[in-house]
C-alpha cells in the first residue's frame, strides 16, 4: 500500500471506531515503550507527514542532552489500531526525529532496524525473524526481605504454585510444559491475549501454551516476518500481555529469572536469510546433516564469532545472566548443532525437504532486549559471517552439553557465554565493527555507558541472600 493509502486507511480506522484520543507510542534505546495521548482530531493528513513536536528528548534515558531536547514524533499510519481496553482510544507507533528538520534521530531503535534492513537490501538479501517470547503471569509479587532463604528478597503469589494452592490442581516443579486445563490455570488469560492480538492487531498466531516453569510461565508464538515488522509486533505483544494481565488484577513480567531454582524466561529467535529474488540461502537439500547450506554455516559462524558481544544486546540486563546457567534449558555454551537445545545455535529439523522451513534458532536472547536492536545485531553478525566466510566448523556434538565434563568441553573447543552483563559489555566494546552498518558509534557508546552504570548501581546493593549467607560472619 502506498504511503497515501496507509494514511487514508489510518484515518478510516480513527473515524470508523469513533476514536477520540490517540496514544502515540515509541521505544527508547533500552526497549521501553513510552506514550503521549493526543486528541484524535489533531490527526489530519498533514499530521502524518509533519509529525508532533511534543517530545522532550532529554527526559528519555539514553536520548539527548537538555540543550538539544526538542524532538518530533512521526506517526506510522499502518500501525493504527483501536485499544480494546480503552474505548475511544487508538494506538499509533511513531518514529523519533530531531527537531528543526534535522532528520531521523540516530538513537531511535526503529531507525536502526530500518538501516539494518536497508543494508541487507543493498547486499541482495531479505531476512525473517520468528521470536518465541516467554513470560510469567503472577497473581502478585510482594517484597519480603524477611525471607531471604528464597534467594529472591520477594515473594511470588501464583494461582498455579503448590505453596499457594495446596490441595487443588497444581503444577509440580518443572512440570509446566503443556499441561491440560484445569492444571493449566492461565489458559483463559492467554486466549484473551491471543484473540486480541489476532483480531485487533492483525497477528497470525501459531500457538500459545504453558511453559516448563512451575508457576505462571507462558509462551506465545506468532508468524515470522521481516525485521522491523517483527520488532513492532513484539513490542505490541508485550503491551497487550501486560494490559490484559492487569485487567485480571495480575502481573505479567518478561524478567528473565524472577524465581530461584526454576526455568527462566527466554526468547529463542528463529532467523532465516533469503535473496531478494526468493531463494533461502540457508537451504541445501544435499546436505546430509541438517540440509544447511555453506552460506547457512557462515551465518552460524558469524553468530558464534560475535556471540560474546551480541550477549550485551540480546541478554541486556544483570538478571539475564541468572537465567544463563546450566540445567534450565538456557544456552550457556558456544556451539551449534541440530535439534540440540543445549547449544546456543541450533538448526531445527522438524521437517525435511522444505526450503521455507530452513532456519537457525539463536537461543541466547531474552524478552527484556530491545527487539529493534537485537534483531539488527543478529542480522549484522550473520551477514558478517557470509562476508568473511566464517566457517563454524563441524557441529561437534549431538548430545547434551550440560552433561559433559569440563575437560571434554575444553577438548572440543566449546567456550561459554559471558557470565555477567559487565563481561558482555566489555566484549561489545572490543567487538563492535560488525555492527557499524546499522549502529553508529554514538549509539553503541551511549548504550555501553548507561548499561555499565546499571551494573555498578545494582552491584552496590546487598542482596537478601547475602544477608542469609553472611550475617553471622
Foldseek 3Di string as FASTA:
>chain_A
DDQLVLLVVLVVQLVVLQAQKEWEWAAALQADIDTDIDGPVVSDSVCLVPFAQDWQQCVGALADNNVQGTKGWHWDSNQWFCDVVDRNYIYTYTFIAGPPPPGGRQSRLLQLLVLLQVVVVVVQKFKKKWKKWKKFKFLDKAQALVPCVQVARIDTHFCQDCVNPPPDQHFPAQNFWADDPPSPVCVVLVVVLVVCCCPTRPWAWDDKGTGRGGGGMIITTTDMDTQSVVLVSLSVSVVSSQVSSVVVSIGMDLQQDNGPPAAGIFIWMWMWMAGPVGATQQAALPDPFARGDLLVQLLLLLCLVLVLLLCCQQQPAQSLLVNQDPDRLAEWKDFEHAPASNHQKYWDRPDHPDRVNTTIIGTSGTSSGSSSVNSSVSSLSSVVSNVVVRRRPPRQDDDRPSPDDPVVCVVSVMDTHDNGSLSSLVSNVVDPPSNPSSHPPSNNVSSSVVSVVNVVVVVVDDGSNCCVVPVVD
